[in-house]
């Protein structure tokens, strides 16, 4: 791969048992679903979901956080 932008997954990327971190002061500018092609083709959805609980356990949350300002 010549650059990090060359990494693509066609279907089913899963990160199990941990976090997905971007190091080195990198920014994520955009998370998007690619544009579809063709005539009268519906756009695709992006779903973000928390983990499902079991039994009477509550489901997971989606937490949006911002960092504190610098000193």
N, C-alpha and C. Protein backbone atom coordinates (compact mmCIF):
# COMPACT_ATOMS: atom_id res chain seq x y z
N UNK A 1 0.84 -1.18 0.00
CA UNK A 1 0.00 0.00 0.00
C UNK A 1 0.88 1.24 0.00
N UNK A 2 0.54 2.18 -0.81
CA UNK A 2 1.35 3.39 -0.89
C UNK A 2 0.95 4.42 0.15
N UNK A 3 -0.29 4.38 0.63
CA UNK A 3 -0.72 5.32 1.66
C UNK A 3 -1.88 4.70 2.45
N UNK A 4 -2.19 5.29 3.59
CA UNK A 4 -3.28 4.77 4.42
C UNK A 4 -4.63 4.89 3.73
N UNK A 5 -4.77 5.78 2.77
CA UNK A 5 -6.05 5.94 2.08
C UNK A 5 -6.32 4.79 1.11
N UNK A 6 -5.32 3.92 0.88
CA UNK A 6 -5.51 2.78 -0.01
C UNK A 6 -6.18 1.60 0.67
N UNK A 7 -6.35 1.63 1.97
CA UNK A 7 -6.93 0.50 2.69
C UNK A 7 -8.45 0.55 2.59
N UNK A 8 -9.04 -0.48 1.97
CA UNK A 8 -10.49 -0.54 1.82
C UNK A 8 -10.96 -1.94 2.18
N UNK A 9 -12.14 -2.00 2.77
CA UNK A 9 -12.77 -3.27 3.09
C UNK A 9 -14.09 -3.30 2.35
N UNK A 10 -14.31 -4.32 1.54
CA UNK A 10 -15.54 -4.39 0.76
C UNK A 10 -16.74 -4.72 1.61
N UNK A 11 -16.58 -5.55 2.62
CA UNK A 11 -17.72 -5.96 3.42
C UNK A 11 -17.26 -6.55 4.74
N UNK A 12 -17.91 -6.16 5.81
CA UNK A 12 -17.78 -6.85 7.08
C UNK A 12 -16.54 -6.60 7.92
N UNK A 13 -16.01 -5.38 7.98
CA UNK A 13 -14.89 -5.10 8.87
C UNK A 13 -15.39 -5.16 10.30
N UNK A 14 -14.73 -5.96 11.13
CA UNK A 14 -15.08 -6.06 12.55
C UNK A 14 -13.83 -5.87 13.38
N UNK A 15 -13.95 -5.06 14.42
CA UNK A 15 -12.88 -4.90 15.39
C UNK A 15 -13.42 -5.49 16.68
N UNK A 16 -12.85 -6.60 17.11
CA UNK A 16 -13.39 -7.31 18.26
C UNK A 16 -12.46 -7.20 19.46
N UNK A 17 -13.06 -7.01 20.62
CA UNK A 17 -12.31 -7.06 21.87
C UNK A 17 -11.42 -5.87 22.15
N UNK A 18 -11.68 -4.74 21.55
CA UNK A 18 -10.83 -3.60 21.85
C UNK A 18 -11.30 -2.33 21.17
N UNK A 19 -10.44 -1.34 21.19
CA UNK A 19 -10.74 -0.04 20.64
C UNK A 19 -10.12 0.12 19.26
N UNK A 20 -10.64 1.02 18.51
CA UNK A 20 -10.06 1.43 17.24
C UNK A 20 -9.55 2.84 17.46
N UNK A 21 -8.23 3.03 17.42
CA UNK A 21 -7.61 4.32 17.72
C UNK A 21 -6.82 4.82 16.52
N UNK A 22 -6.88 6.13 16.30
CA UNK A 22 -6.04 6.78 15.31
C UNK A 22 -4.97 7.55 16.06
N UNK A 23 -3.72 7.16 15.89
CA UNK A 23 -2.64 7.78 16.63
C UNK A 23 -1.93 8.86 15.85
N UNK A 24 -0.96 9.46 16.47
CA UNK A 24 -0.12 10.45 15.82
C UNK A 24 -0.83 11.75 15.49
N UNK A 25 -1.87 12.08 16.23
CA UNK A 25 -2.56 13.34 16.00
C UNK A 25 -3.39 13.35 14.73
N UNK A 26 -3.75 12.16 14.22
CA UNK A 26 -4.55 12.09 13.00
C UNK A 26 -5.99 12.49 13.28
N UNK A 27 -6.63 13.07 12.29
CA UNK A 27 -8.04 13.42 12.38
C UNK A 27 -8.85 12.50 11.49
N UNK A 28 -10.04 12.19 11.91
CA UNK A 28 -10.99 11.51 11.04
C UNK A 28 -11.90 12.60 10.52
N UNK A 29 -11.77 12.93 9.27
CA UNK A 29 -12.54 14.01 8.70
C UNK A 29 -13.94 13.61 8.31
N UNK A 30 -14.14 12.34 8.00
CA UNK A 30 -15.43 11.94 7.48
C UNK A 30 -15.61 10.43 7.58
N UNK A 31 -16.75 10.02 8.03
CA UNK A 31 -17.17 8.63 7.95
C UNK A 31 -18.40 8.65 7.06
N UNK A 32 -18.36 7.93 5.97
CA UNK A 32 -19.47 8.02 5.03
C UNK A 32 -19.71 6.69 4.33
N UNK A 33 -20.88 6.58 3.77
CA UNK A 33 -21.22 5.47 2.90
C UNK A 33 -21.00 5.96 1.48
N UNK A 34 -20.28 5.20 0.68
CA UNK A 34 -19.97 5.63 -0.68
C UNK A 34 -21.22 5.87 -1.52
N UNK A 35 -21.07 6.73 -2.49
CA UNK A 35 -22.14 7.03 -3.44
C UNK A 35 -22.42 5.80 -4.28
N UNK A 36 -23.69 5.55 -4.54
CA UNK A 36 -24.07 4.43 -5.40
C UNK A 36 -24.08 4.91 -6.85
N UNK A 37 -24.14 3.97 -7.77
CA UNK A 37 -24.19 4.34 -9.18
C UNK A 37 -25.39 3.67 -9.84
N UNK A 38 -25.71 4.13 -11.01
CA UNK A 38 -26.85 3.58 -11.74
C UNK A 38 -27.99 4.58 -11.76
N UNK A 39 -29.08 4.16 -12.34
CA UNK A 39 -30.26 5.00 -12.47
C UNK A 39 -31.29 4.63 -11.41
N UNK A 40 -31.81 5.63 -10.71
CA UNK A 40 -32.85 5.42 -9.69
C UNK A 40 -32.44 4.41 -8.63
N UNK A 41 -31.20 4.50 -8.18
CA UNK A 41 -30.68 3.61 -7.15
C UNK A 41 -30.73 4.32 -5.81
N UNK A 42 -31.33 3.69 -4.83
CA UNK A 42 -31.43 4.28 -3.49
C UNK A 42 -30.06 4.36 -2.84
N UNK A 43 -29.84 5.40 -2.04
CA UNK A 43 -28.61 5.51 -1.27
C UNK A 43 -28.57 4.47 -0.18
N UNK A 44 -27.39 4.23 0.36
CA UNK A 44 -27.21 3.22 1.40
C UNK A 44 -27.19 3.87 2.77
N UNK A 45 -27.50 3.10 3.79
CA UNK A 45 -27.60 3.61 5.16
C UNK A 45 -26.30 3.40 5.93
N UNK A 46 -26.09 4.23 6.95
CA UNK A 46 -24.99 4.07 7.90
C UNK A 46 -25.63 3.88 9.26
N UNK A 47 -25.34 2.77 9.91
CA UNK A 47 -25.90 2.46 11.22
C UNK A 47 -24.79 2.42 12.25
N UNK A 48 -24.99 3.11 13.36
CA UNK A 48 -24.08 3.05 14.50
C UNK A 48 -24.91 2.55 15.66
N UNK A 49 -24.50 1.44 16.25
CA UNK A 49 -25.31 0.87 17.32
C UNK A 49 -24.46 0.41 18.49
N UNK A 50 -25.04 0.51 19.67
CA UNK A 50 -24.40 -0.02 20.87
C UNK A 50 -24.61 -1.53 20.92
N UNK A 51 -23.84 -2.20 21.75
CA UNK A 51 -23.96 -3.65 21.89
C UNK A 51 -25.25 -4.06 22.57
N UNK A 52 -25.76 -5.19 22.14
CA UNK A 52 -27.01 -5.72 22.70
C UNK A 52 -26.73 -6.42 24.02
N UNK A 53 -27.59 -6.20 25.03
CA UNK A 53 -27.47 -6.88 26.31
C UNK A 53 -28.06 -8.28 26.23
N UNK A 54 -27.88 -9.06 27.30
CA UNK A 54 -28.49 -10.39 27.37
C UNK A 54 -29.44 -10.43 28.55
N UNK A 55 -30.43 -11.30 28.47
CA UNK A 55 -31.39 -11.42 29.57
C UNK A 55 -32.01 -10.08 29.89
N UNK A 56 -31.95 -9.70 31.17
CA UNK A 56 -32.51 -8.41 31.58
C UNK A 56 -31.46 -7.29 31.55
N UNK A 57 -30.27 -7.60 31.03
CA UNK A 57 -29.20 -6.60 30.95
C UNK A 57 -29.51 -5.53 29.92
N UNK A 58 -29.18 -4.31 30.27
CA UNK A 58 -29.42 -3.17 29.37
C UNK A 58 -28.49 -3.24 28.17
N UNK A 59 -28.93 -2.68 27.07
CA UNK A 59 -28.08 -2.57 25.88
C UNK A 59 -27.01 -1.51 26.07
N UNK A 60 -26.01 -1.55 25.22
CA UNK A 60 -24.93 -0.59 25.29
C UNK A 60 -25.36 0.79 24.81
N UNK A 61 -24.55 1.77 25.08
CA UNK A 61 -24.84 3.16 24.73
C UNK A 61 -23.97 3.63 23.58
N UNK A 62 -24.37 4.72 22.97
CA UNK A 62 -23.53 5.43 22.02
C UNK A 62 -23.13 6.73 22.71
N UNK A 63 -21.84 6.92 22.92
CA UNK A 63 -21.34 8.07 23.65
C UNK A 63 -20.57 8.99 22.70
N UNK A 64 -20.98 10.24 22.62
CA UNK A 64 -20.25 11.23 21.84
C UNK A 64 -19.51 12.11 22.83
N UNK A 65 -18.19 12.20 22.69
CA UNK A 65 -17.38 12.94 23.65
C UNK A 65 -16.51 13.96 22.93
N UNK A 66 -16.24 15.06 23.63
CA UNK A 66 -15.29 16.04 23.14
C UNK A 66 -14.15 16.15 24.13
N UNK A 67 -12.99 16.56 23.69
CA UNK A 67 -11.84 16.69 24.56
C UNK A 67 -11.82 18.07 25.20
N UNK A 68 -11.24 18.16 26.39
CA UNK A 68 -11.05 19.44 27.06
C UNK A 68 -10.06 20.29 26.25
N UNK A 69 -10.20 21.59 26.36
CA UNK A 69 -9.28 22.50 25.68
C UNK A 69 -7.86 22.40 26.22
N UNK A 70 -6.88 22.79 25.43
CA UNK A 70 -5.50 22.76 25.87
C UNK A 70 -5.22 23.80 26.95
N UNK A 71 -4.09 23.64 27.64
CA UNK A 71 -3.74 24.50 28.76
C UNK A 71 -3.12 25.78 28.36
